[in-house]
PDB file of N, CA and C in Angstrom:
ATOM      1  N   MET A   1     213.284-153.797 248.110  1.00  0.00           N
ATOM      2  CA  MET A   1     214.272-153.538 249.124  1.00  0.00           C
ATOM      3  C   MET A   1     213.536-153.120 250.400  1.00  0.00           C
ATOM      4  N   LEU A   2     213.956-153.705 251.514  1.00  0.00           N
ATOM      5  CA  LEU A   2     213.375-153.388 252.810  1.00  0.00           C
ATOM      6  C   LEU A   2     214.033-152.133 253.370  1.00  0.00           C
ATOM      7  N   THR A   3     213.235-151.205 253.811  1.00  0.00           N
ATOM      8  CA  THR A   3     213.767-150.010 254.453  1.00  0.00           C
ATOM      9  C   THR A   3     213.164-149.901 255.842  1.00  0.00           C
ATOM     10  N   VAL A   4     213.948-149.369 256.768  1.00  0.00           N
ATOM     11  CA  VAL A   4     213.494-149.162 258.139  1.00  0.00           C
ATOM     12  C   VAL A   4     213.833-147.746 258.561  1.00  0.00           C
ATOM     13  N   ASP A   5     213.139-147.274 259.570  1.00  0.00           N
ATOM     14  CA  ASP A   5     213.405-145.933 260.081  1.00  0.00           C
ATOM     15  C   ASP A   5     214.615-145.907 261.007  1.00  0.00           C
ATOM     16  N   TYR A   6     214.763-146.958 261.820  1.00  0.00           N
ATOM     17  CA  TYR A   6     215.854-147.032 262.790  1.00  0.00           C
ATOM     18  C   TYR A   6     216.503-148.410 262.738  1.00  0.00           C
ATOM     19  N   VAL A   7     217.820-148.425 262.840  1.00  0.00           N
ATOM     20  CA  VAL A   7     218.571-149.670 262.982  1.00  0.00           C
ATOM     21  C   VAL A   7     219.302-149.582 264.314  1.00  0.00           C
ATOM     22  N   ILE A   8     219.035-150.514 265.193  1.00  0.00           N
ATOM     23  CA  ILE A   8     219.676-150.542 266.498  1.00  0.00           C
ATOM     24  C   ILE A   8     220.598-151.753 266.522  1.00  0.00           C
ATOM     25  N   VAL A   9     221.852-151.501 266.824  1.00  0.00           N
ATOM     26  CA  VAL A   9     222.847-152.571 266.863  1.00  0.00           C
ATOM     27  C   VAL A   9     223.102-152.926 268.323  1.00  0.00           C
ATOM     28  N   GLY A  10     222.793-154.163 268.674  1.00  0.00           N
ATOM     29  CA  GLY A  10     223.001-154.640 270.041  1.00  0.00           C
ATOM     30  C   GLY A  10     221.673-154.901 270.719  1.00  0.00           C
ATOM     31  N   GLY A  11     221.438-156.153 271.040  1.00  0.00           N
ATOM     32  CA  GLY A  11     220.175-156.541 271.661  1.00  0.00           C
ATOM     33  C   GLY A  11     220.279-156.713 273.164  1.00  0.00           C
ATOM     34  N   GLY A  12     221.178-155.965 273.793  1.00  0.00           N
ATOM     35  CA  GLY A  12     221.269-155.999 275.248  1.00  0.00           C
ATOM     36  C   GLY A  12     220.093-155.265 275.865  1.00  0.00           C
ATOM     37  N   SER A  13     220.169-155.021 277.150  1.00  0.00           N
ATOM     38  CA  SER A  13     219.043-154.380 277.821  1.00  0.00           C
ATOM     39  C   SER A  13     218.752-152.989 277.262  1.00  0.00           C
ATOM     40  N   GLY A  14     219.790-152.226 276.954  1.00  0.00           N
ATOM     41  CA  GLY A  14     219.583-150.882 276.398  1.00  0.00           C
ATOM     42  C   GLY A  14     219.016-150.908 274.993  1.00  0.00           C
ATOM     43  N   GLY A  15     219.564-151.785 274.151  1.00  0.00           N
ATOM     44  CA  GLY A  15     219.083-151.893 272.775  1.00  0.00           C
ATOM     45  C   GLY A  15     217.648-152.360 272.709  1.00  0.00           C
ATOM     46  N   CYS A  16     217.302-153.331 273.539  1.00  0.00           N
ATOM     47  CA  CYS A  16     215.925-153.834 273.554  1.00  0.00           C
ATOM     48  C   CYS A  16     214.953-152.788 274.084  1.00  0.00           C
ATOM     49  N   ALA A  17     215.371-152.055 275.111  1.00  0.00           N
ATOM     50  CA  ALA A  17     214.505-151.005 275.651  1.00  0.00           C
ATOM     51  C   ALA A  17     214.268-149.914 274.612  1.00  0.00           C
ATOM     52  N   LEU A  18     215.328-149.514 273.919  1.00  0.00           N
ATOM     53  CA  LEU A  18     215.203-148.484 272.889  1.00  0.00           C
ATOM     54  C   LEU A  18     214.328-148.967 271.738  1.00  0.00           C
ATOM     55  N   ALA A  19     214.548-150.192 271.287  1.00  0.00           N
ATOM     56  CA  ALA A  19     213.735-150.744 270.202  1.00  0.00           C
ATOM     57  C   ALA A  19     212.269-150.834 270.613  1.00  0.00           C
ATOM     58  N   GLY A  20     212.034-151.229 271.845  1.00  0.00           N
ATOM     59  CA  GLY A  20     210.657-151.317 272.334  1.00  0.00           C
ATOM     60  C   GLY A  20     209.965-149.971 272.346  1.00  0.00           C
ATOM     61  N   ARG A  21     210.667-148.950 272.820  1.00  0.00           N
ATOM     62  CA  ARG A  21     210.076-147.612 272.870  1.00  0.00           C
ATOM     63  C   ARG A  21     209.829-147.054 271.477  1.00  0.00           C
ATOM     64  N   LEU A  22     210.810-147.221 270.577  1.00  0.00           N
ATOM     65  CA  LEU A  22     210.648-146.702 269.220  1.00  0.00           C
ATOM     66  C   LEU A  22     209.539-147.419 268.464  1.00  0.00           C
ATOM     67  N   SER A  23     209.364-148.703 268.724  1.00  0.00           N
ATOM     68  CA  SER A  23     208.365-149.473 267.981  1.00  0.00           C
ATOM     69  C   SER A  23     206.949-149.290 268.514  1.00  0.00           C
ATOM     70  N   GLU A  24     206.775-148.509 269.565  1.00  0.00           N
ATOM     71  CA  GLU A  24     205.430-148.230 270.059  1.00  0.00           C
ATOM     72  C   GLU A  24     204.617-147.429 269.051  1.00  0.00           C
ATOM     73  N   ASP A  25     205.299-146.674 268.211  1.00  0.00           N
ATOM     74  CA  ASP A  25     204.637-145.896 267.166  1.00  0.00           C
ATOM     75  C   ASP A  25     204.406-146.809 265.962  1.00  0.00           C
ATOM     76  N   PRO A  26     203.143-147.078 265.608  1.00  0.00           N
ATOM     77  CA  PRO A  26     202.874-147.985 264.493  1.00  0.00           C
ATOM     78  C   PRO A  26     203.378-147.483 263.141  1.00  0.00           C
ATOM     79  N   GLU A  27     203.687-146.203 263.040  1.00  0.00           N
ATOM     80  CA  GLU A  27     204.196-145.632 261.792  1.00  0.00           C
ATOM     81  C   GLU A  27     205.705-145.805 261.642  1.00  0.00           C
ATOM     82  N   THR A  28     206.367-146.296 262.692  1.00  0.00           N
ATOM     83  CA  THR A  28     207.826-146.402 262.704  1.00  0.00           C
ATOM     84  C   THR A  28     208.240-147.859 262.582  1.00  0.00           C
ATOM     85  N   SER A  29     209.253-148.105 261.742  1.00  0.00           N
ATOM     86  CA  SER A  29     209.801-149.462 261.636  1.00  0.00           C
ATOM     87  C   SER A  29     211.199-149.482 262.249  1.00  0.00           C
ATOM     88  N   VAL A  30     211.467-150.542 262.994  1.00  0.00           N
ATOM     89  CA  VAL A  30     212.726-150.665 263.729  1.00  0.00           C
ATOM     90  C   VAL A  30     213.350-152.017 263.425  1.00  0.00           C
ATOM     91  N   ALA A  31     214.658-152.027 263.164  1.00  0.00           N
ATOM     92  CA  ALA A  31     215.402-153.278 263.003  1.00  0.00           C
ATOM     93  C   ALA A  31     216.386-153.377 264.152  1.00  0.00           C
ATOM     94  N   LEU A  32     216.312-154.478 264.889  1.00  0.00           N
ATOM     95  CA  LEU A  32     217.232-154.728 265.995  1.00  0.00           C
ATOM     96  C   LEU A  32     218.197-155.824 265.556  1.00  0.00           C
ATOM     97  N   VAL A  33     219.493-155.506 265.517  1.00  0.00           N
ATOM     98  CA  VAL A  33     220.506-156.429 265.027  1.00  0.00           C
ATOM     99  C   VAL A  33     221.334-156.908 266.214  1.00  0.00           C
ATOM    100  N   GLU A  34     221.415-158.229 266.373  1.00  0.00           N
ATOM    101  CA  GLU A  34     222.196-158.824 267.451  1.00  0.00           C
ATOM    102  C   GLU A  34     223.062-159.927 266.873  1.00  0.00           C
ATOM    103  N   ALA A  35     224.354-159.855 267.095  1.00  0.00           N
ATOM    104  CA  ALA A  35     225.263-160.864 266.579  1.00  0.00           C
ATOM    105  C   ALA A  35     225.305-162.089 267.478  1.00  0.00           C
ATOM    106  N   GLY A  36     224.982-161.897 268.741  1.00  0.00           N
ATOM    107  CA  GLY A  36     225.074-163.008 269.686  1.00  0.00           C
ATOM    108  C   GLY A  36     226.507-163.180 270.151  1.00  0.00           C
ATOM    109  N   ALA A  37     226.661-164.012 271.145  1.00  0.00           N
ATOM    110  CA  ALA A  37     227.993-164.261 271.690  1.00  0.00           C
ATOM    111  C   ALA A  37     228.104-165.728 272.061  1.00  0.00           C
ATOM    112  N   GLY A  38     229.087-166.366 271.542  1.00  0.00           N
ATOM    113  CA  GLY A  38     229.297-167.760 271.879  1.00  0.00           C
ATOM    114  C   GLY A  38     228.337-168.677 271.146  1.00  0.00           C
ATOM    115  N   LYS A  39     228.372-169.947 271.515  1.00  0.00           N
ATOM    116  CA  LYS A  39     227.553-170.958 270.849  1.00  0.00           C
ATOM    117  C   LYS A  39     226.181-171.126 271.482  1.00  0.00           C
ATOM    118  N   GLY A  40     225.965-170.555 272.654  1.00  0.00           N
ATOM    119  CA  GLY A  40     224.670-170.699 273.318  1.00  0.00           C
ATOM    120  C   GLY A  40     224.458-172.080 273.897  1.00  0.00           C
ATOM    121  N   ASP A  41     225.552-172.767 274.230  1.00  0.00           N
ATOM    122  CA  ASP A  41     225.406-174.122 274.750  1.00  0.00           C
ATOM    123  C   ASP A  41     225.596-174.204 276.264  1.00  0.00           C
ATOM    124  N   SER A  42     225.540-173.062 276.925  1.00  0.00           N
ATOM    125  CA  SER A  42     225.636-173.034 278.381  1.00  0.00           C
ATOM    126  C   SER A  42     224.430-173.733 279.000  1.00  0.00           C
ATOM    127  N   THR A  43     224.617-174.332 280.136  1.00  0.00           N
ATOM    128  CA  THR A  43     223.516-174.997 280.839  1.00  0.00           C
ATOM    129  C   THR A  43     222.404-174.012 281.173  1.00  0.00           C
ATOM    130  N   LEU A  44     222.772-172.771 281.523  1.00  0.00           N
ATOM    131  CA  LEU A  44     221.750-171.776 281.840  1.00  0.00           C
ATOM    132  C   LEU A  44     220.895-171.434 280.623  1.00  0.00           C
ATOM    133  N   ILE A  45     221.454-171.557 279.431  1.00  0.00           N
ATOM    134  CA  ILE A  45     220.705-171.269 278.211  1.00  0.00           C
ATOM    135  C   ILE A  45     219.865-172.472 277.807  1.00  0.00           C
ATOM    136  N   GLN A  46     220.431-173.644 277.874  1.00  0.00           N
ATOM    137  CA  GLN A  46     219.766-174.850 277.397  1.00  0.00           C
ATOM    138  C   GLN A  46     218.719-175.405 278.359  1.00  0.00           C
ATOM    139  N   THR A  47     218.825-175.109 279.644  1.00  0.00           N
ATOM    140  CA  THR A  47     217.923-175.692 280.638  1.00  0.00           C
ATOM    141  C   THR A  47     217.207-174.581 281.398  1.00  0.00           C
ATOM    142  N   PRO A  48     216.001-174.216 281.001  1.00  0.00           N
ATOM    143  CA  PRO A  48     215.290-173.118 281.658  1.00  0.00           C
ATOM    144  C   PRO A  48     215.090-173.334 283.153  1.00  0.00           C
ATOM    145  N   GLY A  49     214.977-174.587 283.604  1.00  0.00           N
ATOM    146  CA  GLY A  49     214.788-174.854 285.028  1.00  0.00           C
ATOM    147  C   GLY A  49     215.964-174.410 285.871  1.00  0.00           C
ATOM    148  N   VAL A  50     217.129-174.246 285.241  1.00  0.00           N
ATOM    149  CA  VAL A  50     218.318-173.824 285.967  1.00  0.00           C
ATOM    150  C   VAL A  50     218.213-172.342 286.348  1.00  0.00           C
ATOM    151  N   MET A  51     217.270-171.635 285.772  1.00  0.00           N
ATOM    152  CA  MET A  51     217.111-170.215 286.079  1.00  0.00           C
ATOM    153  C   MET A  51     216.840-169.987 287.550  1.00  0.00           C
ATOM    154  N   THR A  52     216.390-170.993 288.271  1.00  0.00           N
ATOM    155  CA  THR A  52     216.183-170.817 289.711  1.00  0.00           C
ATOM    156  C   THR A  52     217.505-170.534 290.409  1.00  0.00           C
ATOM    157  N   ALA A  53     218.620-170.855 289.780  1.00  0.00           N
ATOM    158  CA  ALA A  53     219.920-170.534 290.355  1.00  0.00           C
ATOM    159  C   ALA A  53     220.148-169.035 290.396  1.00  0.00           C
ATOM    160  N   MET A  54     219.373-168.280 289.640  1.00  0.00           N
ATOM    161  CA  MET A  54     219.519-166.836 289.599  1.00  0.00           C
ATOM    162  C   MET A  54     218.736-166.135 290.706  1.00  0.00           C
ATOM    163  N   VAL A  55     217.919-166.876 291.437  1.00  0.00           N
ATOM    164  CA  VAL A  55     217.114-166.292 292.505  1.00  0.00           C
ATOM    165  C   VAL A  55     218.037-165.805 293.616  1.00  0.00           C
ATOM    166  N   ALA A  56     217.759-164.606 294.117  1.00  0.00           N
ATOM    167  CA  ALA A  56     218.596-164.046 295.180  1.00  0.00           C
ATOM    168  C   ALA A  56     218.482-164.904 296.435  1.00  0.00           C
ATOM    169  N   LYS A  57     219.570-165.448 296.836  1.00  0.00           N
ATOM    170  CA  LYS A  57     219.665-166.212 298.068  1.00  0.00           C
ATOM    171  C   LYS A  57     221.095-166.068 298.561  1.00  0.00           C
ATOM    172  N   PRO A  58     221.394-166.458 299.758  1.00  0.00           N
ATOM    173  CA  PRO A  58     222.717-166.186 300.303  1.00  0.00           C
ATOM    174  C   PRO A  58     223.885-166.638 299.421  1.00  0.00           C
ATOM    175  N   ILE A  59     223.706-167.654 298.596  1.00  0.00           N
ATOM    176  CA  ILE A  59     224.822-168.133 297.794  1.00  0.00           C
ATOM    177  C   ILE A  59     225.205-167.184 296.651  1.00  0.00           C
ATOM    178  N   ASN A  60     224.249-166.374 296.171  1.00  0.00           N
ATOM    179  CA  ASN A  60     224.614-165.466 295.088  1.00  0.00           C
ATOM    180  C   ASN A  60     224.199-164.021 295.341  1.00  0.00           C
ATOM    181  N   THR A  61     224.368-163.577 296.562  1.00  0.00           N
ATOM    182  CA  THR A  61     224.189-162.158 296.886  1.00  0.00           C
ATOM    183  C   THR A  61     225.388-161.726 297.708  1.00  0.00           C
ATOM    184  N   ASN A  62     225.594-160.440 297.794  1.00  0.00           N
ATOM    185  CA  ASN A  62     226.696-159.908 298.587  1.00  0.00           C
ATOM    186  C   ASN A  62     226.265-159.540 299.999  1.00  0.00           C
ATOM    187  N   VAL A  63     225.035-159.851 300.346  1.00  0.00           N
ATOM    188  CA  VAL A  63     224.518-159.537 301.667  1.00  0.00           C
ATOM    189  C   VAL A  63     225.063-160.547 302.672  1.00  0.00           C
ATOM    190  N   PRO A  64     225.673-160.105 303.741  1.00  0.00           N
ATOM    191  CA  PRO A  64     226.217-161.054 304.734  1.00  0.00           C
ATOM    192  C   PRO A  64     225.125-161.836 305.454  1.00  0.00           C
TER     193      PRO A  64
END
Protein backbone atom coordinates (compact mmCIF):
# COMPACT_ATOMS: atom_id res chain seq x y z
CA MET A 1 0.00 0.00 0.00
CA LEU A 2 1.30 3.44 -0.96
CA THR A 3 1.36 5.99 1.82
CA VAL A 4 2.10 9.70 1.56
CA ASP A 5 2.65 12.44 4.09
CA TYR A 6 0.44 15.03 2.37
CA VAL A 7 -2.44 14.82 -0.09
CA ILE A 8 -3.22 18.06 -1.89
CA VAL A 9 -6.48 18.24 -3.79
CA GLY A 10 -6.45 20.70 -6.68
CA GLY A 11 -3.63 21.35 -9.09
CA GLY A 12 -4.27 25.06 -9.55
CA SER A 13 -1.66 27.68 -8.84
CA GLY A 14 -2.08 27.37 -5.06
CA GLY A 15 -2.06 23.58 -5.01
CA CYS A 16 1.01 23.37 -7.23
CA ALA A 17 2.87 25.98 -5.19
CA LEU A 18 2.07 24.15 -1.95
CA ALA A 19 3.05 20.77 -3.41
CA GLY A 20 6.29 22.25 -4.71
CA ARG A 21 7.22 23.72 -1.34
CA LEU A 22 6.32 20.58 0.60
CA SER A 23 8.23 18.33 -1.79
CA GLU A 24 11.47 20.28 -1.33
CA ASP A 25 12.12 18.08 1.70
CA PRO A 26 13.41 14.73 0.39
CA GLU A 27 11.99 12.99 3.48
CA THR A 28 8.43 14.10 2.64
CA SER A 29 6.12 12.48 0.10
CA VAL A 30 3.35 14.50 -1.52
CA ALA A 31 0.42 13.42 -3.69
CA LEU A 32 -1.19 16.10 -5.86
CA VAL A 33 -4.67 15.12 -7.06
CA GLU A 34 -6.27 16.97 -9.97
CA ALA A 35 -9.56 15.96 -11.54
CA GLY A 36 -9.21 18.29 -14.49
CA ALA A 37 -11.98 20.22 -16.14
CA GLY A 38 -13.53 19.58 -19.48
CA LYS A 39 -12.16 17.48 -22.32
CA GLY A 40 -9.01 19.54 -22.91
CA ASP A 41 -9.86 20.04 -26.56
CA SER A 42 -9.60 23.83 -26.56
CA THR A 43 -7.39 25.35 -29.24
CA LEU A 44 -5.28 26.98 -26.52
CA ILE A 45 -4.60 23.53 -25.04
CA GLN A 46 -4.04 21.64 -28.27
CA THR A 47 -1.92 24.25 -30.09
CA PRO A 48 1.00 25.61 -28.04
CA GLY A 49 1.73 28.26 -30.69
CA VAL A 50 -1.59 29.89 -29.82
CA MET A 51 -0.09 30.86 -26.45
CA THR A 52 1.17 34.03 -28.11
CA ALA A 53 -2.44 35.19 -27.86
CA MET A 54 -1.83 35.46 -24.12
CA VAL A 55 0.91 38.07 -24.54
CA ALA A 56 -0.08 41.43 -23.10
CA LYS A 57 -1.00 43.71 -25.95
CA PRO A 58 -3.78 46.23 -26.43
CA ILE A 59 -6.29 43.57 -27.48
CA ASN A 60 -6.17 41.71 -24.16
CA THR A 61 -5.29 44.30 -21.53
CA ASN A 62 -7.41 46.86 -19.76
CA VAL A 63 -4.89 49.62 -20.38
CA PRO A 64 -6.36 52.33 -22.64
